[in-house]
């Protein structure tokens, strides 16, 4: 499995918050991230800059919590560059990377 989660960041989260709470955080992220991805796509299609920025910001922040550094960086770029830089291809790449992060988080949660 490719590593999409920074091990030291994840270990620090576990040490700080505890394994049970980290499992809850993972479950919450897995529930909330897909609607955030949908909001990015919807906002792009409708030309709504502020909802786009908010969804990208939330995804960035949540990904950073777990050490999903590439996902966080991708979301940060979308947040900072906004609709002007957003393309369906960029959102597709973000969604694909989210799928990889989600799979690794599930494995970490269930370990």
Protein backbone atom coordinates (compact mmCIF):
# COMPACT_ATOMS: atom_id res chain seq x y z
CA UNK A 1 0.00 0.00 0.00
CA UNK A 2 1.34 3.42 -0.89
CA UNK A 3 1.79 5.67 2.10
CA UNK A 4 -0.49 8.66 1.86
CA UNK A 5 -0.47 9.39 5.61
CA UNK A 6 2.58 10.88 7.31
CA UNK A 7 3.37 8.32 10.01
CA UNK A 8 4.81 10.79 12.53
CA UNK A 9 1.82 13.14 12.27
CA UNK A 10 -0.60 10.23 12.68
CA UNK A 11 1.37 8.82 15.63
CA UNK A 12 1.38 12.23 17.32
CA UNK A 13 -2.39 12.47 16.86
CA UNK A 14 -2.82 9.03 18.43
CA UNK A 15 -0.53 9.92 21.33
CA UNK A 16 -2.36 13.18 21.95
CA UNK A 17 -5.96 12.15 21.37
CA UNK A 18 -5.92 8.41 22.04
CA UNK A 19 -6.75 5.53 19.74
CA UNK A 20 -10.50 5.47 20.40
CA UNK A 21 -10.92 9.16 19.66
CA UNK A 22 -8.74 8.90 16.55
CA UNK A 23 -11.01 6.13 15.27
CA UNK A 24 -13.99 8.45 15.79
CA UNK A 25 -12.17 11.26 13.99
CA UNK A 26 -11.43 8.96 11.06
CA UNK A 27 -15.07 7.89 10.84
CA UNK A 28 -16.19 11.52 10.90
CA UNK A 29 -13.69 12.47 8.19
CA UNK A 30 -14.81 9.55 6.02
CA UNK A 31 -18.42 10.76 6.36
CA UNK A 32 -17.73 14.46 5.84
CA UNK A 33 -15.10 14.51 3.11
CA UNK A 34 -17.26 13.14 0.25
CA UNK A 35 -19.84 15.95 0.70
CA UNK A 36 -16.94 18.44 0.75
CA UNK A 37 -15.70 17.04 -2.56
CA UNK A 38 -19.24 17.30 -3.95
CA UNK A 39 -19.48 20.90 -2.74
CA UNK A 40 -16.25 21.73 -4.55
CA UNK A 41 -17.65 20.34 -7.77
CA UNK A 42 -21.04 21.99 -7.32
CA UNK A 43 -19.48 25.36 -6.45
CA UNK A 44 -17.15 25.14 -9.44
CA UNK A 45 -20.06 24.40 -11.76
CA UNK A 46 -22.12 27.26 -10.32
CA UNK A 47 -19.24 29.72 -10.13
CA UNK A 48 -19.71 30.16 -6.37
CA UNK A 49 -16.31 31.22 -5.04
CA UNK A 50 -17.00 31.41 -1.31
CA UNK A 51 -18.54 27.92 -0.89
CA UNK A 52 -15.68 26.59 -3.02
CA UNK A 53 -13.09 28.24 -0.78
CA UNK A 54 -14.80 27.03 2.42
CA UNK A 55 -15.01 23.43 1.23
CA UNK A 56 -11.36 23.45 0.13
CA UNK A 57 -10.33 24.99 3.47
CA UNK A 58 -12.25 22.38 5.48
CA UNK A 59 -10.83 19.52 3.46
CA UNK A 60 -7.31 20.94 3.86
CA UNK A 61 -7.66 21.30 7.61
CA UNK A 62 -9.14 17.86 8.14
CA UNK A 63 -6.56 16.15 5.94
CA UNK A 64 -3.75 17.91 7.82
CA UNK A 65 -5.03 16.53 11.12
CA UNK A 66 -4.27 12.97 9.99
CA UNK A 67 -1.04 13.73 8.16
CA UNK A 68 -2.58 13.40 4.69
CA UNK A 69 -0.09 16.00 3.56
CA UNK A 70 -0.51 15.67 -0.21
CA UNK A 71 -4.29 15.83 0.04
CA UNK A 72 -3.99 18.86 2.32
CA UNK A 73 -1.61 20.56 -0.12
CA UNK A 74 -3.92 19.89 -3.05
CA UNK A 75 -6.88 21.34 -1.14
CA UNK A 76 -4.77 24.30 0.01
CA UNK A 77 -3.86 25.11 -3.58
CA UNK A 78 -7.54 25.08 -4.53
CA UNK A 79 -8.41 27.21 -1.51
CA UNK A 80 -5.77 29.83 -2.30
CA UNK A 81 -6.20 29.89 -6.07
CA UNK A 82 -9.98 29.62 -6.02
CA UNK A 83 -12.24 29.11 -8.97
CA UNK A 84 -9.76 30.68 -11.38
CA UNK A 85 -7.40 27.73 -11.03
CA UNK A 86 -9.99 25.02 -10.48
CA UNK A 87 -10.70 22.58 -13.25
CA UNK A 88 -12.68 19.34 -13.40
CA UNK A 89 -9.35 17.55 -13.85
CA UNK A 90 -7.95 19.11 -10.66
CA UNK A 91 -11.05 18.08 -8.74
CA UNK A 92 -10.82 14.60 -10.21
CA UNK A 93 -7.22 14.29 -9.06
CA UNK A 94 -8.23 15.52 -5.61
CA UNK A 95 -11.05 12.96 -5.40
CA UNK A 96 -8.75 10.16 -6.55
CA UNK A 97 -6.17 11.05 -3.93
CA UNK A 98 -8.92 11.26 -1.29
CA UNK A 99 -9.87 7.67 -2.18
CA UNK A 100 -6.28 6.60 -1.50
CA UNK A 101 -6.22 8.50 1.80
CA UNK A 102 -9.59 7.02 2.81
CA UNK A 103 -8.34 3.49 2.15
CA UNK A 104 -5.22 4.04 4.24
CA UNK A 105 -7.17 5.68 7.07
CA UNK A 106 -9.57 2.72 7.13
CA UNK A 107 -6.60 0.36 7.37
CA UNK A 108 -5.08 2.41 10.20
CA UNK A 109 -8.42 2.59 12.00
CA UNK A 110 -8.92 -1.16 11.77
CA UNK A 111 -5.35 -2.12 12.69
